[in-house]
Amino acid sequence: MMLLPILGGLYLGRWLDDKFKTESIFLFIFIILGIISSFANLFRVAMKNVSKKGRD
């Protein structure tokens, strides 16, 4: 759940850097977006688990 967005950002950023012949700008942008997305997913799952425990 956390690894897929980060690896996706890594591969997409690397591919765009190769395509546009840039240094590593797309790589850094998409890795950061992947990390943010991963933590947003983690937070969403954690909040769902907290609300389930509150109902029990």
C-alpha atoms as a PDB file:
ATOM      1  CA  MET A   1       0.000   0.000   0.000  1.00  0.00           C
ATOM      2  CA  MET A   2       2.864   2.376   0.708  1.00  0.00           C
ATOM      3  CA  LEU A   3       5.447   0.975  -1.646  1.00  0.00           C
ATOM      4  CA  LEU A   4       3.449   1.074  -4.876  1.00  0.00           C
ATOM      5  CA  PRO A   5       2.971   4.884  -5.121  1.00  0.00           C
ATOM      6  CA  ILE A   6       6.622   5.510  -4.259  1.00  0.00           C
ATOM      7  CA  LEU A   7       7.913   3.012  -6.816  1.00  0.00           C
ATOM      8  CA  GLY A   8       5.433   4.317  -9.367  1.00  0.00           C
ATOM      9  CA  GLY A   9       6.765   7.830  -8.789  1.00  0.00           C
ATOM     10  CA  LEU A  10      10.318   6.552  -9.127  1.00  0.00           C
ATOM     11  CA  TYR A  11       9.714   4.842 -12.456  1.00  0.00           C
ATOM     12  CA  LEU A  12       7.515   7.608 -13.880  1.00  0.00           C
ATOM     13  CA  GLY A  13       9.978  10.307 -12.828  1.00  0.00           C
ATOM     14  CA  ARG A  14      12.930   8.428 -14.281  1.00  0.00           C
ATOM     15  CA  TRP A  15      11.060   7.801 -17.541  1.00  0.00           C
ATOM     16  CA  LEU A  16      10.084  11.474 -17.883  1.00  0.00           C
ATOM     17  CA  ASP A  17      13.641  12.599 -17.118  1.00  0.00           C
ATOM     18  CA  ASP A  18      14.948  10.289 -19.847  1.00  0.00           C
ATOM     19  CA  LYS A  19      12.271  11.407 -22.298  1.00  0.00           C
ATOM     20  CA  PHE A  20      12.799  15.151 -21.785  1.00  0.00           C
ATOM     21  CA  LYS A  21      16.559  14.899 -21.121  1.00  0.00           C
ATOM     22  CA  THR A  22      16.322  16.651 -17.768  1.00  0.00           C
ATOM     23  CA  GLU A  23      18.567  16.011 -14.792  1.00  0.00           C
ATOM     24  CA  SER A  24      16.432  14.549 -11.997  1.00  0.00           C
ATOM     25  CA  ILE A  25      13.667  17.099 -11.542  1.00  0.00           C
ATOM     26  CA  PHE A  26      10.785  14.790 -12.491  1.00  0.00           C
ATOM     27  CA  LEU A  27      12.270  11.987 -10.400  1.00  0.00           C
ATOM     28  CA  PHE A  28      12.270  14.128  -7.252  1.00  0.00           C
ATOM     29  CA  ILE A  29       8.808  15.568  -7.938  1.00  0.00           C
ATOM     30  CA  PHE A  30       7.173  12.196  -8.480  1.00  0.00           C
ATOM     31  CA  ILE A  31       8.946  10.511  -5.563  1.00  0.00           C
ATOM     32  CA  ILE A  32       7.722  13.275  -3.255  1.00  0.00           C
ATOM     33  CA  LEU A  33       4.199  12.935  -4.663  1.00  0.00           C
ATOM     34  CA  GLY A  34       4.406   9.174  -4.132  1.00  0.00           C
ATOM     35  CA  ILE A  35       5.474   9.629  -0.522  1.00  0.00           C
ATOM     36  CA  ILE A  36       2.647  12.086   0.124  1.00  0.00           C
ATOM     37  CA  SER A  37       0.181   9.705  -1.486  1.00  0.00           C
ATOM     38  CA  SER A  38       1.486   6.789   0.577  1.00  0.00           C
ATOM     39  CA  PHE A  39       1.086   8.636   3.847  1.00  0.00           C
ATOM     40  CA  ALA A  40      -2.379   9.851   2.842  1.00  0.00           C
ATOM     41  CA  ASN A  41      -3.378   6.221   2.194  1.00  0.00           C
ATOM     42  CA  LEU A  42      -1.862   5.140   5.494  1.00  0.00           C
ATOM     43  CA  PHE A  43      -3.720   7.899   7.345  1.00  0.00           C
ATOM     44  CA  ARG A  44      -6.993   6.938   5.648  1.00  0.00           C
ATOM     45  CA  VAL A  45      -6.596   3.283   6.668  1.00  0.00           C
ATOM     46  CA  ALA A  46      -5.613   4.220  10.222  1.00  0.00           C
ATOM     47  CA  MET A  47      -8.631   6.488  10.619  1.00  0.00           C
ATOM     48  CA  LYS A  48     -10.915   3.750   9.308  1.00  0.00           C
ATOM     49  CA  ASN A  49      -9.502   1.336  11.915  1.00  0.00           C
ATOM     50  CA  VAL A  50      -9.921   3.900  14.693  1.00  0.00           C
ATOM     51  CA  SER A  51     -13.565   4.474  13.784  1.00  0.00           C
ATOM     52  CA  LYS A  52     -14.213   0.702  13.731  1.00  0.00           C
ATOM     53  CA  LYS A  53     -12.758   0.331  17.233  1.00  0.00           C
ATOM     54  CA  GLY A  54     -14.927   3.170  18.473  1.00  0.00           C
ATOM     55  CA  ARG A  55     -18.079   1.365  17.366  1.00  0.00           C
ATOM     56  CA  ASP A  56     -17.198  -1.892  19.161  1.00  0.00           C
END
